[in-house]
């Protein structure tokens, strides 16, 4: 299948954390589409290396406003380094979608419950999926049509609360869709007090089998993104909890 390469212009830059920049891109080609969970090849004029970054916004945002968002952690890989040191409003780049890791249910599909497991910046594609889930709930509420989404539980592990990306957005989604969207934040190296708003959702320490066992069943579709050792550990724990292998999807980043 032909992959559309679209020019895009940087139309927003914010600091998502001390080490992560969130970049908003206006996509020029209206044939450019993506599925929640996919990534883009990121072409920068004058930078020979191509970046590969997961999209952290929803397909619905692209349809409505013609924009998508990336959240990129600082490192010396030339495309990431460019985003942190040279990227500015009006910078022109090009994008091409890729990846077989996505959630794209059709209106006639049977309802499904999801488990999303993220480590560090591995939250990016899973946040896109979470936003798409919210869009599916809204579409059903407003039109009575479309895919009937089940419940979603996000397990998200980072070093500390400042490295939990999109945490305010995630809290807002939980409040907007009670009993449909849940989240458990896990921090491994927290040294400062946790703000009261986050406290009910924070667990100190890594995601363990006992955390998953409280919620996961063999009926869940499970998506995992994070460092490879975490993915391997989570896959094993899900299989131990009788989740069939074909219902576990993962994206390895580095």
C-alpha atoms as a PDB file:
ATOM      1  CA  UNK A   1       0.000   0.000   0.000  1.00  0.00           C
ATOM      2  CA  UNK A   2       1.292   3.475  -0.926  1.00  0.00           C
ATOM      3  CA  UNK A   3       2.290   5.482   2.133  1.00  0.00           C
ATOM      4  CA  UNK A   4       1.494   9.182   1.956  1.00  0.00           C
ATOM      5  CA  UNK A   5       4.412  11.489   2.797  1.00  0.00           C
ATOM      6  CA  UNK A   6       2.974  14.814   3.881  1.00  0.00           C
ATOM      7  CA  UNK A   7       4.651  18.158   4.482  1.00  0.00           C
ATOM      8  CA  UNK A   8       3.874  19.491   7.956  1.00  0.00           C
ATOM      9  CA  UNK A   9       4.546  22.724   9.833  1.00  0.00           C
ATOM     10  CA  UNK A  10       5.299  23.055  13.545  1.00  0.00           C
ATOM     11  CA  UNK A  11       2.415  25.045  15.058  1.00  0.00           C
ATOM     12  CA  UNK A  12       2.986  24.444  18.775  1.00  0.00           C
ATOM     13  CA  UNK A  13       5.814  23.497  21.161  1.00  0.00           C
ATOM     14  CA  UNK A  14       5.394  22.907  24.905  1.00  0.00           C
ATOM     15  CA  UNK A  15       7.494  21.297  27.635  1.00  0.00           C
ATOM     16  CA  UNK A  16       5.632  18.161  28.699  1.00  0.00           C
ATOM     17  CA  UNK A  17       8.321  17.465  31.335  1.00  0.00           C
ATOM     18  CA  UNK A  18      11.919  18.540  32.040  1.00  0.00           C
ATOM     19  CA  UNK A  19      13.125  16.097  29.366  1.00  0.00           C
ATOM     20  CA  UNK A  20      10.179  15.826  26.943  1.00  0.00           C
ATOM     21  CA  UNK A  21       8.939  18.341  24.369  1.00  0.00           C
ATOM     22  CA  UNK A  22       5.415  18.086  22.950  1.00  0.00           C
ATOM     23  CA  UNK A  23       5.302  19.222  19.324  1.00  0.00           C
ATOM     24  CA  UNK A  24       2.076  20.074  17.490  1.00  0.00           C
ATOM     25  CA  UNK A  25       2.183  19.722  13.704  1.00  0.00           C
ATOM     26  CA  UNK A  26      -0.180  21.076  11.072  1.00  0.00           C
ATOM     27  CA  UNK A  27      -0.418  18.367   8.387  1.00  0.00           C
ATOM     28  CA  UNK A  28      -0.797  19.713   4.855  1.00  0.00           C
ATOM     29  CA  UNK A  29      -1.921  16.628   2.882  1.00  0.00           C
ATOM     30  CA  UNK A  30      -5.574  15.828   3.603  1.00  0.00           C
ATOM     31  CA  UNK A  31      -5.048  12.220   2.460  1.00  0.00           C
ATOM     32  CA  UNK A  32      -2.686  11.672   5.404  1.00  0.00           C
ATOM     33  CA  UNK A  33      -4.333   9.457   8.076  1.00  0.00           C
ATOM     34  CA  UNK A  34      -3.199   7.230  10.942  1.00  0.00           C
ATOM     35  CA  UNK A  35      -4.572   4.712  13.432  1.00  0.00           C
ATOM     36  CA  UNK A  36      -4.320   5.201  17.202  1.00  0.00           C
ATOM     37  CA  UNK A  37      -0.985   3.707  18.321  1.00  0.00           C
ATOM     38  CA  UNK A  38       0.971   4.204  15.105  1.00  0.00           C
ATOM     39  CA  UNK A  39       4.220   6.158  14.669  1.00  0.00           C
ATOM     40  CA  UNK A  40       5.617   8.515  12.041  1.00  0.00           C
ATOM     41  CA  UNK A  41       8.855   8.671  10.142  1.00  0.00           C
ATOM     42  CA  UNK A  42       9.923  12.269  10.758  1.00  0.00           C
ATOM     43  CA  UNK A  43      11.922  13.919   7.964  1.00  0.00           C
ATOM     44  CA  UNK A  44      13.837  17.122   8.792  1.00  0.00           C
ATOM     45  CA  UNK A  45      15.454  19.246   6.039  1.00  0.00           C
ATOM     46  CA  UNK A  46      19.236  19.179   6.474  1.00  0.00           C
ATOM     47  CA  UNK A  47      19.174  16.249   8.946  1.00  0.00           C
ATOM     48  CA  UNK A  48      20.082  13.015   7.107  1.00  0.00           C
ATOM     49  CA  UNK A  49      18.807  10.689   9.851  1.00  0.00           C
ATOM     50  CA  UNK A  50      15.056   9.981   9.898  1.00  0.00           C
ATOM     51  CA  UNK A  51      13.270  10.117  13.258  1.00  0.00           C
ATOM     52  CA  UNK A  52      10.706   7.545  14.332  1.00  0.00           C
ATOM     53  CA  UNK A  53       8.234   8.928  16.893  1.00  0.00           C
ATOM     54  CA  UNK A  54       4.920   7.563  18.136  1.00  0.00           C
ATOM     55  CA  UNK A  55       1.946   9.884  17.707  1.00  0.00           C
ATOM     56  CA  UNK A  56       0.432  10.903  21.066  1.00  0.00           C
ATOM     57  CA  UNK A  57      -2.753  12.573  19.760  1.00  0.00           C
ATOM     58  CA  UNK A  58      -5.953  10.966  18.496  1.00  0.00           C
ATOM     59  CA  UNK A  59      -6.952  10.295  14.876  1.00  0.00           C
ATOM     60  CA  UNK A  60     -10.029  12.422  15.640  1.00  0.00           C
ATOM     61  CA  UNK A  61      -7.890  15.512  16.245  1.00  0.00           C
ATOM     62  CA  UNK A  62      -6.292  15.096  12.812  1.00  0.00           C
ATOM     63  CA  UNK A  63      -9.729  14.710  11.205  1.00  0.00           C
ATOM     64  CA  UNK A  64     -11.175  17.773  12.971  1.00  0.00           C
ATOM     65  CA  UNK A  65      -8.241  20.181  13.048  1.00  0.00           C
ATOM     66  CA  UNK A  66      -5.638  18.787  10.634  1.00  0.00           C
ATOM     67  CA  UNK A  67      -3.018  18.468  13.384  1.00  0.00           C
ATOM     68  CA  UNK A  68      -1.167  15.725  15.216  1.00  0.00           C
ATOM     69  CA  UNK A  69       1.163  15.744  18.222  1.00  0.00           C
ATOM     70  CA  UNK A  70       4.433  14.045  19.171  1.00  0.00           C
ATOM     71  CA  UNK A  71       6.114  13.989  22.586  1.00  0.00           C
ATOM     72  CA  UNK A  72       9.861  13.500  22.188  1.00  0.00           C
ATOM     73  CA  UNK A  73      12.381  12.811  24.936  1.00  0.00           C
ATOM     74  CA  UNK A  74      15.734  14.608  24.805  1.00  0.00           C
ATOM     75  CA  UNK A  75      18.617  12.535  23.480  1.00  0.00           C
ATOM     76  CA  UNK A  76      21.533  12.923  21.072  1.00  0.00           C
ATOM     77  CA  UNK A  77      19.888  11.024  18.200  1.00  0.00           C
ATOM     78  CA  UNK A  78      19.869  13.786  15.541  1.00  0.00           C
ATOM     79  CA  UNK A  79      16.065  14.077  14.984  1.00  0.00           C
ATOM     80  CA  UNK A  80      15.298  14.190  18.743  1.00  0.00           C
ATOM     81  CA  UNK A  81      18.207  16.570  19.310  1.00  0.00           C
ATOM     82  CA  UNK A  82      16.877  18.848  16.533  1.00  0.00           C
ATOM     83  CA  UNK A  83      13.430  18.942  18.174  1.00  0.00           C
ATOM     84  CA  UNK A  84      14.994  20.007  21.494  1.00  0.00           C
ATOM     85  CA  UNK A  85      17.568  22.484  20.150  1.00  0.00           C
ATOM     86  CA  UNK A  86      16.448  23.908  16.785  1.00  0.00           C
ATOM     87  CA  UNK A  87      12.747  23.207  16.213  1.00  0.00           C
ATOM     88  CA  UNK A  88      10.635  26.368  16.339  1.00  0.00           C
ATOM     89  CA  UNK A  89       7.173  27.585  15.339  1.00  0.00           C
ATOM     90  CA  UNK A  90       6.977  27.516  11.555  1.00  0.00           C
ATOM     91  CA  UNK A  91       9.674  24.824  11.105  1.00  0.00           C
ATOM     92  CA  UNK A  92       8.837  22.661   8.082  1.00  0.00           C
ATOM     93  CA  UNK A  93       9.180  18.866   8.173  1.00  0.00           C
ATOM     94  CA  UNK A  94       7.598  15.853   6.469  1.00  0.00           C
ATOM     95  CA  UNK A  95       5.765  12.824   7.913  1.00  0.00           C
ATOM     96  CA  UNK A  96       5.014   9.243   6.865  1.00  0.00           C
ATOM     97  CA  UNK A  97       2.920   6.864   8.985  1.00  0.00           C
ATOM     98  CA  UNK A  98       4.075   3.361   9.914  1.00  0.00           C
ATOM     99  CA  UNK A  99       3.611   0.575  12.431  1.00  0.00           C
ATOM    100  CA  UNK A 100       1.440  -2.470  13.061  1.00  0.00           C
ATOM    101  CA  UNK A 101       0.728  -1.525  16.690  1.00  0.00           C
ATOM    102  CA  UNK A 102      -2.690   0.139  16.787  1.00  0.00           C
ATOM    103  CA  UNK A 103      -6.283  -0.011  18.051  1.00  0.00           C
ATOM    104  CA  UNK A 104      -8.775   0.580  15.251  1.00  0.00           C
ATOM    105  CA  UNK A 105     -12.103  -1.146  15.964  1.00  0.00           C
ATOM    106  CA  UNK A 106     -14.878  -0.955  13.387  1.00  0.00           C
ATOM    107  CA  UNK A 107     -18.500  -0.043  14.210  1.00  0.00           C
ATOM    108  CA  UNK A 108     -19.712  -3.629  13.716  1.00  0.00           C
ATOM    109  CA  UNK A 109     -17.038  -5.243  15.944  1.00  0.00           C
ATOM    110  CA  UNK A 110     -18.014  -6.785  19.292  1.00  0.00           C
ATOM    111  CA  UNK A 111     -17.351  -4.634  22.409  1.00  0.00           C
ATOM    112  CA  UNK A 112     -13.901  -5.089  23.927  1.00  0.00           C
ATOM    113  CA  UNK A 113     -12.127  -4.191  27.193  1.00  0.00           C
ATOM    114  CA  UNK A 114      -8.534  -2.937  27.040  1.00  0.00           C
ATOM    115  CA  UNK A 115      -5.511  -3.024  29.312  1.00  0.00           C
ATOM    116  CA  UNK A 116      -2.774  -0.508  28.449  1.00  0.00           C
ATOM    117  CA  UNK A 117       0.671  -0.871  30.086  1.00  0.00           C
ATOM    118  CA  UNK A 118       3.213   1.940  29.619  1.00  0.00           C
ATOM    119  CA  UNK A 119       6.786   2.520  30.768  1.00  0.00           C
ATOM    120  CA  UNK A 120       8.318   6.007  30.492  1.00  0.00           C
ATOM    121  CA  UNK A 121       7.843   7.636  27.082  1.00  0.00           C
ATOM    122  CA  UNK A 122       6.223   4.377  25.979  1.00  0.00           C
ATOM    123  CA  UNK A 123       3.028   6.169  27.062  1.00  0.00           C
ATOM    124  CA  UNK A 124       2.900   7.984  23.689  1.00  0.00           C
ATOM    125  CA  UNK A 125       1.052   5.423  21.506  1.00  0.00           C
ATOM    126  CA  UNK A 126      -1.054   4.293  24.470  1.00  0.00           C
ATOM    127  CA  UNK A 127      -2.162   7.874  25.165  1.00  0.00           C
ATOM    128  CA  UNK A 128      -3.231   8.086  21.502  1.00  0.00           C
ATOM    129  CA  UNK A 129      -5.270   4.900  22.029  1.00  0.00           C
ATOM    130  CA  UNK A 130      -6.768   6.315  25.251  1.00  0.00           C
ATOM    131  CA  UNK A 131      -7.832   9.510  23.452  1.00  0.00           C
ATOM    132  CA  UNK A 132      -9.323   7.417  20.638  1.00  0.00           C
ATOM    133  CA  UNK A 133     -11.295   5.414  23.220  1.00  0.00           C
ATOM    134  CA  UNK A 134     -12.674   8.707  24.607  1.00  0.00           C
ATOM    135  CA  UNK A 135     -13.666   9.749  21.057  1.00  0.00           C
ATOM    136  CA  UNK A 136     -15.455   6.413  20.561  1.00  0.00           C
ATOM    137  CA  UNK A 137     -17.394   6.893  23.831  1.00  0.00           C
ATOM    138  CA  UNK A 138     -18.340  10.461  22.805  1.00  0.00           C
ATOM    139  CA  UNK A 139     -19.482   9.352  19.336  1.00  0.00           C
ATOM    140  CA  UNK A 140     -21.728   6.662  20.813  1.00  0.00           C
ATOM    141  CA  UNK A 141     -23.165   9.092  23.398  1.00  0.00           C
ATOM    142  CA  UNK A 142     -23.927  11.818  20.864  1.00  0.00           C
ATOM    143  CA  UNK A 143     -25.067   9.785  17.838  1.00  0.00           C
ATOM    144  CA  UNK A 144     -25.992   6.389  19.257  1.00  0.00           C
ATOM    145  CA  UNK A 145     -23.862   4.920  16.460  1.00  0.00           C
ATOM    146  CA  UNK A 146     -20.387   3.470  16.139  1.00  0.00           C
ATOM    147  CA  UNK A 147     -18.255   1.021  18.072  1.00  0.00           C
ATOM    148  CA  UNK A 148     -19.494   0.176  21.574  1.00  0.00           C
ATOM    149  CA  UNK A 149     -16.337   0.538  23.647  1.00  0.00           C
ATOM    150  CA  UNK A 150     -15.858  -1.439  26.859  1.00  0.00           C
ATOM    151  CA  UNK A 151     -13.688  -0.343  29.776  1.00  0.00           C
ATOM    152  CA  UNK A 152     -10.000   0.617  29.737  1.00  0.00           C
ATOM    153  CA  UNK A 153      -7.407   0.367  32.501  1.00  0.00           C
ATOM    154  CA  UNK A 154      -4.056   2.115  32.062  1.00  0.00           C
ATOM    155  CA  UNK A 155      -1.032   1.036  34.127  1.00  0.00           C
ATOM    156  CA  UNK A 156       1.691   3.650  33.702  1.00  0.00           C
ATOM    157  CA  UNK A 157       5.151   3.459  35.296  1.00  0.00           C
ATOM    158  CA  UNK A 158       7.779   6.237  35.371  1.00  0.00           C
ATOM    159  CA  UNK A 159      10.673   7.276  37.617  1.00  0.00           C
ATOM    160  CA  UNK A 160       8.652   9.991  39.350  1.00  0.00           C
ATOM    161  CA  UNK A 161       5.491  12.056  38.947  1.00  0.00           C
ATOM    162  CA  UNK A 162       7.279  14.785  36.958  1.00  0.00           C
ATOM    163  CA  UNK A 163       8.073  12.124  34.320  1.00  0.00           C
ATOM    164  CA  UNK A 164       4.435  10.951  34.120  1.00  0.00           C
ATOM    165  CA  UNK A 165       3.537  12.548  30.795  1.00  0.00           C
ATOM    166  CA  UNK A 166      -0.025  13.717  30.087  1.00  0.00           C
ATOM    167  CA  UNK A 167      -1.025  13.072  33.724  1.00  0.00           C
ATOM    168  CA  UNK A 168      -3.491  15.981  33.867  1.00  0.00           C
ATOM    169  CA  UNK A 169      -5.074  14.932  30.575  1.00  0.00           C
ATOM    170  CA  UNK A 170      -5.365  11.353  31.857  1.00  0.00           C
ATOM    171  CA  UNK A 171      -7.007  12.518  35.112  1.00  0.00           C
ATOM    172  CA  UNK A 172      -9.477  14.573  33.043  1.00  0.00           C
ATOM    173  CA  UNK A 173     -10.341  11.524  30.930  1.00  0.00           C
ATOM    174  CA  UNK A 174     -10.963   9.480  34.097  1.00  0.00           C
ATOM    175  CA  UNK A 175     -13.258  12.187  35.485  1.00  0.00           C
ATOM    176  CA  UNK A 176     -15.075  12.529  32.136  1.00  0.00           C
ATOM    177  CA  UNK A 177     -15.644   8.781  31.740  1.00  0.00           C
ATOM    178  CA  UNK A 178     -15.991   7.298  35.233  1.00  0.00           C
ATOM    179  CA  UNK A 179     -16.009   3.488  35.329  1.00  0.00           C
ATOM    180  CA  UNK A 180     -15.028   3.436  31.651  1.00  0.00           C
ATOM    181  CA  UNK A 181     -11.470   4.784  31.944  1.00  0.00           C
ATOM    182  CA  UNK A 182      -9.266   3.953  34.954  1.00  0.00           C
ATOM    183  CA  UNK A 183      -5.585   4.579  35.611  1.00  0.00           C
ATOM    184  CA  UNK A 184      -2.950   3.323  38.018  1.00  0.00           C
ATOM    185  CA  UNK A 185       0.245   5.426  38.077  1.00  0.00           C
ATOM    186  CA  UNK A 186       3.427   3.735  39.365  1.00  0.00           C
ATOM    187  CA  UNK A 187       6.589   5.618  40.393  1.00  0.00           C
ATOM    188  CA  UNK A 188       9.935   3.943  41.119  1.00  0.00           C
ATOM    189  CA  UNK A 189      12.198   6.795  42.338  1.00  0.00           C
ATOM    190  CA  UNK A 190       9.914   9.413  43.885  1.00  0.00           C
ATOM    191  CA  UNK A 191      11.808  11.736  46.260  1.00  0.00           C
ATOM    192  CA  UNK A 192       9.387  14.683  46.564  1.00  0.00           C
ATOM    193  CA  UNK A 193       5.857  14.762  48.036  1.00  0.00           C
ATOM    194  CA  UNK A 194       3.084  13.658  45.673  1.00  0.00           C
ATOM    195  CA  UNK A 195       0.425  16.296  44.970  1.00  0.00           C
ATOM    196  CA  UNK A 196      -3.004  15.552  46.527  1.00  0.00           C
ATOM    197  CA  UNK A 197      -4.725  15.352  43.139  1.00  0.00           C
ATOM    198  CA  UNK A 198      -2.483  12.465  42.062  1.00  0.00           C
ATOM    199  CA  UNK A 199      -2.209  10.620  45.390  1.00  0.00           C
ATOM    200  CA  UNK A 200      -5.289   8.361  44.999  1.00  0.00           C
ATOM    201  CA  UNK A 201      -3.876   6.966  41.761  1.00  0.00           C
ATOM    202  CA  UNK A 202      -0.197   6.521  42.728  1.00  0.00           C
ATOM    203  CA  UNK A 203       1.521   3.281  43.718  1.00  0.00           C
ATOM    204  CA  UNK A 204       5.203   3.306  44.696  1.00  0.00           C
ATOM    205  CA  UNK A 205       7.211   0.630  42.883  1.00  0.00           C
ATOM    206  CA  UNK A 206       6.964  -1.159  39.557  1.00  0.00           C
ATOM    207  CA  UNK A 207       3.853  -2.727  38.038  1.00  0.00           C
ATOM    208  CA  UNK A 208       3.671  -6.283  39.377  1.00  0.00           C
ATOM    209  CA  UNK A 209       1.649  -9.382  38.646  1.00  0.00           C
ATOM    210  CA  UNK A 210      -0.463  -8.776  41.766  1.00  0.00           C
ATOM    211  CA  UNK A 211      -1.447  -5.306  40.467  1.00  0.00           C
ATOM    212  CA  UNK A 212      -2.498  -6.805  37.139  1.00  0.00           C
ATOM    213  CA  UNK A 213      -4.253  -9.778  38.743  1.00  0.00           C
ATOM    214  CA  UNK A 214      -6.741  -7.442  40.444  1.00  0.00           C
ATOM    215  CA  UNK A 215      -8.105  -6.416  37.070  1.00  0.00           C
ATOM    216  CA  UNK A 216      -6.885  -8.445  34.091  1.00  0.00           C
ATOM    217  CA  UNK A 217      -8.811 -11.392  32.674  1.00  0.00           C
ATOM    218  CA  UNK A 218      -8.394 -13.614  29.630  1.00  0.00           C
ATOM    219  CA  UNK A 219     -10.977 -11.479  27.812  1.00  0.00           C
ATOM    220  CA  UNK A 220      -8.858  -8.321  27.715  1.00  0.00           C
ATOM    221  CA  UNK A 221      -6.945  -6.973  24.752  1.00  0.00           C
ATOM    222  CA  UNK A 222      -3.567  -5.844  26.121  1.00  0.00           C
ATOM    223  CA  UNK A 223      -1.224  -3.229  24.642  1.00  0.00           C
ATOM    224  CA  UNK A 224       2.282  -2.695  26.075  1.00  0.00           C
ATOM    225  CA  UNK A 225       4.906  -0.082  25.207  1.00  0.00           C
ATOM    226  CA  UNK A 226       8.144   0.617  27.078  1.00  0.00           C
ATOM    227  CA  UNK A 227      11.727  -0.616  27.443  1.00  0.00           C
ATOM    228  CA  UNK A 228      12.219  -4.194  26.132  1.00  0.00           C
ATOM    229  CA  UNK A 229      12.887  -5.795  29.582  1.00  0.00           C
ATOM    230  CA  UNK A 230       9.614  -4.337  30.871  1.00  0.00           C
ATOM    231  CA  UNK A 231       7.711  -5.603  27.824  1.00  0.00           C
ATOM    232  CA  UNK A 232       9.104  -9.114  28.285  1.00  0.00           C
ATOM    233  CA  UNK A 233       8.212  -9.131  31.994  1.00  0.00           C
ATOM    234  CA  UNK A 234       4.679  -7.819  31.346  1.00  0.00           C
ATOM    235  CA  UNK A 235       4.039 -10.328  28.532  1.00  0.00           C
ATOM    236  CA  UNK A 236       5.001 -13.182  30.845  1.00  0.00           C
ATOM    237  CA  UNK A 237       2.813 -11.882  33.668  1.00  0.00           C
ATOM    238  CA  UNK A 238      -0.182 -11.488  31.342  1.00  0.00           C
ATOM    239  CA  UNK A 239       0.307 -15.006  29.995  1.00  0.00           C
ATOM    240  CA  UNK A 240       0.503 -16.288  33.592  1.00  0.00           C
ATOM    241  CA  UNK A 241      -2.882 -14.588  34.115  1.00  0.00           C
ATOM    242  CA  UNK A 242      -4.281 -16.619  31.179  1.00  0.00           C
ATOM    243  CA  UNK A 243      -4.400 -13.825  28.608  1.00  0.00           C
ATOM    244  CA  UNK A 244      -4.001 -15.577  25.228  1.00  0.00           C
ATOM    245  CA  UNK A 245      -0.782 -14.646  23.418  1.00  0.00           C
ATOM    246  CA  UNK A 246      -2.717 -13.364  20.386  1.00  0.00           C
ATOM    247  CA  UNK A 247      -4.453 -10.777  22.615  1.00  0.00           C
ATOM    248  CA  UNK A 248      -1.135  -9.197  23.720  1.00  0.00           C
ATOM    249  CA  UNK A 249       0.311  -6.483  21.480  1.00  0.00           C
ATOM    250  CA  UNK A 250       3.562  -4.656  22.113  1.00  0.00           C
ATOM    251  CA  UNK A 251       5.774  -1.966  20.638  1.00  0.00           C
ATOM    252  CA  UNK A 252       9.494  -1.993  21.487  1.00  0.00           C
ATOM    253  CA  UNK A 253      11.107   1.410  21.373  1.00  0.00           C
ATOM    254  CA  UNK A 254      14.760   1.102  22.236  1.00  0.00           C
END
